[in-house]
Amino acid sequence: MLNNTEAVAIIRAKIQATGGPTAFSSKHDIAEPYVRNVLAGRTEPGRRTAKAAGLVKQDGAWRWM
């Protein structure tokens, strides 16, 4: 199980590996401003963002799919 900080770090790495927020949002059909808010810590990652990074939230904790 992962905490929120660890999950965001994994998502951040996946975004950078994809080529940045613009490429990630285009590839996964997620709004770029939302992706940037997740990176800035203003918004908790949603289901689609987490799934794109290979994560899922279950019982309040993050885990790998």
PDB file of N, CA and C in Angstrom:
ATOM      1  N   MET A   1       0.834  -1.183   0.000  1.00  0.00           N
ATOM      2  CA  MET A   1       0.000   0.000   0.000  1.00  0.00           C
ATOM      3  C   MET A   1       0.884   1.253   0.000  1.00  0.00           C
ATOM      4  N   LEU A   2       0.408   2.249  -0.664  1.00  0.00           N
ATOM      5  CA  LEU A   2       1.140   3.509  -0.789  1.00  0.00           C
ATOM      6  C   LEU A   2       0.324   4.632  -0.178  1.00  0.00           C
ATOM      7  N   ASN A   3       1.011   5.624   0.374  1.00  0.00           N
ATOM      8  CA  ASN A   3       0.285   6.791   0.857  1.00  0.00           C
ATOM      9  C   ASN A   3       0.138   7.790  -0.294  1.00  0.00           C
ATOM     10  N   ASN A   4      -0.561   8.880  -0.061  1.00  0.00           N
ATOM     11  CA  ASN A   4      -0.844   9.861  -1.106  1.00  0.00           C
ATOM     12  C   ASN A   4       0.433  10.477  -1.673  1.00  0.00           C
ATOM     13  N   THR A   5       1.389  10.766  -0.814  1.00  0.00           N
ATOM     14  CA  THR A   5       2.655  11.368  -1.259  1.00  0.00           C
ATOM     15  C   THR A   5       3.394  10.427  -2.204  1.00  0.00           C
ATOM     16  N   GLU A   6       3.435   9.155  -1.862  1.00  0.00           N
ATOM     17  CA  GLU A   6       4.105   8.174  -2.719  1.00  0.00           C
ATOM     18  C   GLU A   6       3.379   8.006  -4.046  1.00  0.00           C
ATOM     19  N   ALA A   7       2.061   7.998  -4.004  1.00  0.00           N
ATOM     20  CA  ALA A   7       1.268   7.865  -5.231  1.00  0.00           C
ATOM     21  C   ALA A   7       1.507   9.043  -6.167  1.00  0.00           C
ATOM     22  N   VAL A   8       1.516  10.252  -5.614  1.00  0.00           N
ATOM     23  CA  VAL A   8       1.750  11.441  -6.446  1.00  0.00           C
ATOM     24  C   VAL A   8       3.161  11.402  -7.032  1.00  0.00           C
ATOM     25  N   ALA A   9       4.131  10.915  -6.279  1.00  0.00           N
ATOM     26  CA  ALA A   9       5.501  10.806  -6.795  1.00  0.00           C
ATOM     27  C   ALA A   9       5.557   9.832  -7.977  1.00  0.00           C
ATOM     28  N   ILE A  10       4.834   8.733  -7.876  1.00  0.00           N
ATOM     29  CA  ILE A  10       4.784   7.761  -8.974  1.00  0.00           C
ATOM     30  C   ILE A  10       4.092   8.367 -10.190  1.00  0.00           C
ATOM     31  N   ILE A  11       2.993   9.057  -9.960  1.00  0.00           N
ATOM     32  CA  ILE A  11       2.270   9.714 -11.057  1.00  0.00           C
ATOM     33  C   ILE A  11       3.155  10.785 -11.698  1.00  0.00           C
ATOM     34  N   ARG A  12       3.852  11.543 -10.881  1.00  0.00           N
ATOM     35  CA  ARG A  12       4.757  12.581 -11.394  1.00  0.00           C
ATOM     36  C   ARG A  12       5.833  11.951 -12.292  1.00  0.00           C
ATOM     37  N   ALA A  13       6.407  10.835 -11.858  1.00  0.00           N
ATOM     38  CA  ALA A  13       7.429  10.153 -12.656  1.00  0.00           C
ATOM     39  C   ALA A  13       6.850   9.663 -13.984  1.00  0.00           C
ATOM     40  N   LYS A  14       5.637   9.133 -13.934  1.00  0.00           N
ATOM     41  CA  LYS A  14       4.982   8.655 -15.153  1.00  0.00           C
ATOM     42  C   LYS A  14       4.710   9.812 -16.118  1.00  0.00           C
ATOM     43  N   ILE A  15       4.284  10.948 -15.583  1.00  0.00           N
ATOM     44  CA  ILE A  15       4.038  12.131 -16.416  1.00  0.00           C
ATOM     45  C   ILE A  15       5.324  12.576 -17.093  1.00  0.00           C
ATOM     46  N   GLN A  16       6.411  12.625 -16.336  1.00  0.00           N
ATOM     47  CA  GLN A  16       7.693  13.049 -16.910  1.00  0.00           C
ATOM     48  C   GLN A  16       8.199  12.032 -17.934  1.00  0.00           C
ATOM     49  N   ALA A  17       8.000  10.732 -17.662  1.00  0.00           N
ATOM     50  CA  ALA A  17       8.432   9.702 -18.606  1.00  0.00           C
ATOM     51  C   ALA A  17       7.648   9.757 -19.913  1.00  0.00           C
ATOM     52  N   THR A  18       6.422  10.245 -19.839  1.00  0.00           N
ATOM     53  CA  THR A  18       5.575  10.367 -21.026  1.00  0.00           C
ATOM     54  C   THR A  18       5.966  11.586 -21.862  1.00  0.00           C
ATOM     55  N   GLY A  19       6.663  12.534 -21.248  1.00  0.00           N
ATOM     56  CA  GLY A  19       7.081  13.731 -21.982  1.00  0.00           C
ATOM     57  C   GLY A  19       6.551  15.018 -21.393  1.00  0.00           C
ATOM     58  N   GLY A  20       5.963  14.947 -20.213  1.00  0.00           N
ATOM     59  CA  GLY A  20       5.455  16.135 -19.539  1.00  0.00           C
ATOM     60  C   GLY A  20       3.937  16.160 -19.501  1.00  0.00           C
ATOM     61  N   PRO A  21       3.397  17.195 -18.840  1.00  0.00           N
ATOM     62  CA  PRO A  21       1.940  17.277 -18.655  1.00  0.00           C
ATOM     63  C   PRO A  21       1.141  17.324 -19.957  1.00  0.00           C
ATOM     64  N   THR A  22       1.647  18.015 -20.953  1.00  0.00           N
ATOM     65  CA  THR A  22       0.917  18.129 -22.216  1.00  0.00           C
ATOM     66  C   THR A  22       0.811  16.780 -22.910  1.00  0.00           C
ATOM     67  N   ALA A  23       1.918  16.070 -23.009  1.00  0.00           N
ATOM     68  CA  ALA A  23       1.923  14.760 -23.661  1.00  0.00           C
ATOM     69  C   ALA A  23       1.083  13.751 -22.876  1.00  0.00           C
ATOM     70  N   PHE A  24       1.221  13.768 -21.554  1.00  0.00           N
ATOM     71  CA  PHE A  24       0.472  12.845 -20.706  1.00  0.00           C
ATOM     72  C   PHE A  24      -1.024  13.086 -20.846  1.00  0.00           C
ATOM     73  N   SER A  25      -1.428  14.349 -20.787  1.00  0.00           N
ATOM     74  CA  SER A  25      -2.857  14.658 -20.871  1.00  0.00           C
ATOM     75  C   SER A  25      -3.426  14.293 -22.244  1.00  0.00           C
ATOM     76  N   SER A  26      -2.664  14.502 -23.294  1.00  0.00           N
ATOM     77  CA  SER A  26      -3.129  14.134 -24.634  1.00  0.00           C
ATOM     78  C   SER A  26      -3.231  12.620 -24.788  1.00  0.00           C
ATOM     79  N   LYS A  27      -2.216  11.911 -24.318  1.00  0.00           N
ATOM     80  CA  LYS A  27      -2.181  10.455 -24.458  1.00  0.00           C
ATOM     81  C   LYS A  27      -3.322   9.775 -23.706  1.00  0.00           C
ATOM     82  N   HIS A  28      -3.668  10.296 -22.526  1.00  0.00           N
ATOM     83  CA  HIS A  28      -4.666   9.648 -21.677  1.00  0.00           C
ATOM     84  C   HIS A  28      -6.006  10.374 -21.654  1.00  0.00           C
ATOM     85  N   ASP A  29      -6.163  11.393 -22.517  1.00  0.00           N
ATOM     86  CA  ASP A  29      -7.404  12.159 -22.633  1.00  0.00           C
ATOM     87  C   ASP A  29      -7.858  12.714 -21.276  1.00  0.00           C
ATOM     88  N   ILE A  30      -6.918  13.382 -20.618  1.00  0.00           N
ATOM     89  CA  ILE A  30      -7.171  14.035 -19.326  1.00  0.00           C
ATOM     90  C   ILE A  30      -6.833  15.514 -19.508  1.00  0.00           C
ATOM     91  N   ALA A  31      -7.624  16.400 -18.943  1.00  0.00           N
ATOM     92  CA  ALA A  31      -7.403  17.836 -19.117  1.00  0.00           C
ATOM     93  C   ALA A  31      -6.034  18.245 -18.571  1.00  0.00           C
ATOM     94  N   GLU A  32      -5.285  18.979 -19.385  1.00  0.00           N
ATOM     95  CA  GLU A  32      -3.941  19.403 -18.978  1.00  0.00           C
ATOM     96  C   GLU A  32      -3.938  20.254 -17.708  1.00  0.00           C
ATOM     97  N   PRO A  33      -4.866  21.216 -17.541  1.00  0.00           N
ATOM     98  CA  PRO A  33      -4.858  21.986 -16.284  1.00  0.00           C
ATOM     99  C   PRO A  33      -5.041  21.094 -15.051  1.00  0.00           C
ATOM    100  N   TYR A  34      -5.855  20.057 -15.196  1.00  0.00           N
ATOM    101  CA  TYR A  34      -6.050  19.116 -14.099  1.00  0.00           C
ATOM    102  C   TYR A  34      -4.736  18.392 -13.777  1.00  0.00           C
ATOM    103  N   VAL A  35      -4.041  17.927 -14.809  1.00  0.00           N
ATOM    104  CA  VAL A  35      -2.755  17.240 -14.606  1.00  0.00           C
ATOM    105  C   VAL A  35      -1.775  18.176 -13.905  1.00  0.00           C
ATOM    106  N   ARG A  36      -1.735  19.422 -14.324  1.00  0.00           N
ATOM    107  CA  ARG A  36      -0.831  20.393 -13.684  1.00  0.00           C
ATOM    108  C   ARG A  36      -1.231  20.646 -12.225  1.00  0.00           C
ATOM    109  N   ASN A  37      -2.527  20.641 -11.929  1.00  0.00           N
ATOM    110  CA  ASN A  37      -2.979  20.806 -10.540  1.00  0.00           C
ATOM    111  C   ASN A  37      -2.575  19.610  -9.680  1.00  0.00           C
ATOM    112  N   VAL A  38      -2.634  18.422 -10.241  1.00  0.00           N
ATOM    113  CA  VAL A  38      -2.179  17.231  -9.512  1.00  0.00           C
ATOM    114  C   VAL A  38      -0.682  17.360  -9.214  1.00  0.00           C
ATOM    115  N   LEU A  39       0.093  17.760 -10.215  1.00  0.00           N
ATOM    116  CA  LEU A  39       1.535  17.928 -10.024  1.00  0.00           C
ATOM    117  C   LEU A  39       1.854  18.970  -8.962  1.00  0.00           C
ATOM    118  N   ALA A  40       1.053  20.028  -8.906  1.00  0.00           N
ATOM    119  CA  ALA A  40       1.279  21.110  -7.943  1.00  0.00           C
ATOM    120  C   ALA A  40       0.744  20.774  -6.554  1.00  0.00           C
ATOM    121  N   GLY A  41       0.019  19.665  -6.443  1.00  0.00           N
ATOM    122  CA  GLY A  41      -0.530  19.277  -5.147  1.00  0.00           C
ATOM    123  C   GLY A  41      -1.833  19.969  -4.793  1.00  0.00           C
ATOM    124  N   ARG A  42      -2.443  20.647  -5.749  1.00  0.00           N
ATOM    125  CA  ARG A  42      -3.703  21.343  -5.487  1.00  0.00           C
ATOM    126  C   ARG A  42      -4.913  20.419  -5.601  1.00  0.00           C
ATOM    127  N   THR A  43      -4.736  19.298  -6.312  1.00  0.00           N
ATOM    128  CA  THR A  43      -5.824  18.352  -6.545  1.00  0.00           C
ATOM    129  C   THR A  43      -5.311  16.937  -6.311  1.00  0.00           C
ATOM    130  N   GLU A  44      -6.128  16.117  -5.667  1.00  0.00           N
ATOM    131  CA  GLU A  44      -5.760  14.710  -5.488  1.00  0.00           C
ATOM    132  C   GLU A  44      -5.960  13.986  -6.809  1.00  0.00           C
ATOM    133  N   PRO A  45      -5.086  13.059  -7.138  1.00  0.00           N
ATOM    134  CA  PRO A  45      -5.238  12.326  -8.399  1.00  0.00           C
ATOM    135  C   PRO A  45      -6.568  11.579  -8.458  1.00  0.00           C
ATOM    136  N   GLY A  46      -7.205  11.648  -9.590  1.00  0.00           N
ATOM    137  CA  GLY A  46      -8.451  10.931  -9.798  1.00  0.00           C
ATOM    138  C   GLY A  46      -8.206   9.537 -10.340  1.00  0.00           C
ATOM    139  N   ARG A  47      -9.286   8.833 -10.554  1.00  0.00           N
ATOM    140  CA  ARG A  47      -9.220   7.436 -10.992  1.00  0.00           C
ATOM    141  C   ARG A  47      -8.485   7.270 -12.315  1.00  0.00           C
ATOM    142  N   ARG A  48      -8.811   8.103 -13.312  1.00  0.00           N
ATOM    143  CA  ARG A  48      -8.178   7.968 -14.631  1.00  0.00           C
ATOM    144  C   ARG A  48      -6.705   8.331 -14.596  1.00  0.00           C
ATOM    145  N   THR A  49      -6.357   9.354 -13.838  1.00  0.00           N
ATOM    146  CA  THR A  49      -4.949   9.754 -13.724  1.00  0.00           C
ATOM    147  C   THR A  49      -4.152   8.651 -13.049  1.00  0.00           C
ATOM    148  N   ALA A  50      -4.706   8.113 -11.970  1.00  0.00           N
ATOM    149  CA  ALA A  50      -4.020   7.038 -11.253  1.00  0.00           C
ATOM    150  C   ALA A  50      -3.896   5.795 -12.130  1.00  0.00           C
ATOM    151  N   LYS A  51      -4.965   5.456 -12.839  1.00  0.00           N
ATOM    152  CA  LYS A  51      -4.942   4.275 -13.702  1.00  0.00           C
ATOM    153  C   LYS A  51      -3.876   4.414 -14.783  1.00  0.00           C
ATOM    154  N   ALA A  52      -3.711   5.613 -15.319  1.00  0.00           N
ATOM    155  CA  ALA A  52      -2.695   5.855 -16.343  1.00  0.00           C
ATOM    156  C   ALA A  52      -1.288   5.601 -15.800  1.00  0.00           C
ATOM    157  N   ALA A  53      -1.119   5.747 -14.486  1.00  0.00           N
ATOM    158  CA  ALA A  53       0.178   5.499 -13.846  1.00  0.00           C
ATOM    159  C   ALA A  53       0.265   4.094 -13.265  1.00  0.00           C
ATOM    160  N   GLY A  54      -0.785   3.292 -13.440  1.00  0.00           N
ATOM    161  CA  GLY A  54      -0.774   1.929 -12.938  1.00  0.00           C
ATOM    162  C   GLY A  54      -1.182   1.791 -11.487  1.00  0.00           C
ATOM    163  N   LEU A  55      -1.907   2.779 -10.967  1.00  0.00           N
ATOM    164  CA  LEU A  55      -2.337   2.759  -9.570  1.00  0.00           C
ATOM    165  C   LEU A  55      -3.853   2.729  -9.453  1.00  0.00           C
ATOM    166  N   VAL A  56      -4.327   2.306  -8.300  1.00  0.00           N
ATOM    167  CA  VAL A  56      -5.747   2.336  -7.987  1.00  0.00           C
ATOM    168  C   VAL A  56      -5.875   2.651  -6.500  1.00  0.00           C
ATOM    169  N   LYS A  57      -6.932   3.397  -6.134  1.00  0.00           N
ATOM    170  CA  LYS A  57      -7.162   3.717  -4.730  1.00  0.00           C
ATOM    171  C   LYS A  57      -8.227   2.780  -4.185  1.00  0.00           C
ATOM    172  N   GLN A  58      -7.881   2.111  -3.088  1.00  0.00           N
ATOM    173  CA  GLN A  58      -8.792   1.140  -2.496  1.00  0.00           C
ATOM    174  C   GLN A  58      -8.747   1.287  -0.973  1.00  0.00           C
ATOM    175  N   ASP A  59      -9.904   1.481  -0.376  1.00  0.00           N
ATOM    176  CA  ASP A  59     -10.015   1.637   1.083  1.00  0.00           C
ATOM    177  C   ASP A  59      -9.119   2.751   1.612  1.00  0.00           C
ATOM    178  N   GLY A  60      -9.022   3.841   0.864  1.00  0.00           N
ATOM    179  CA  GLY A  60      -8.277   5.016   1.312  1.00  0.00           C
ATOM    180  C   GLY A  60      -6.778   4.940   1.116  1.00  0.00           C
ATOM    181  N   ALA A  61      -6.283   3.866   0.532  1.00  0.00           N
ATOM    182  CA  ALA A  61      -4.841   3.722   0.291  1.00  0.00           C
ATOM    183  C   ALA A  61      -4.611   3.388  -1.175  1.00  0.00           C
ATOM    184  N   TRP A  62      -3.483   3.782  -1.684  1.00  0.00           N
ATOM    185  CA  TRP A  62      -3.116   3.519  -3.072  1.00  0.00           C
ATOM    186  C   TRP A  62      -2.416   2.184  -3.163  1.00  0.00           C
ATOM    187  N   ARG A  63      -2.625   1.487  -4.274  1.00  0.00           N
ATOM    188  CA  ARG A  63      -1.898   0.246  -4.541  1.00  0.00           C
ATOM    189  C   ARG A  63      -1.683   0.126  -6.048  1.00  0.00           C
ATOM    190  N   TRP A  64      -0.740  -0.743  -6.409  1.00  0.00           N
ATOM    191  CA  TRP A  64      -0.492  -1.018  -7.828  1.00  0.00           C
ATOM    192  C   TRP A  64      -1.646  -1.832  -8.381  1.00  0.00           C
ATOM    193  N   MET A  65      -1.955  -1.640  -9.648  1.00  0.00           N
ATOM    194  CA  MET A  65      -3.032  -2.391 -10.305  1.00  0.00           C
ATOM    195  C   MET A  65      -2.586  -3.819 -10.529  1.00  0.00           C
TER     196      MET A  65
END
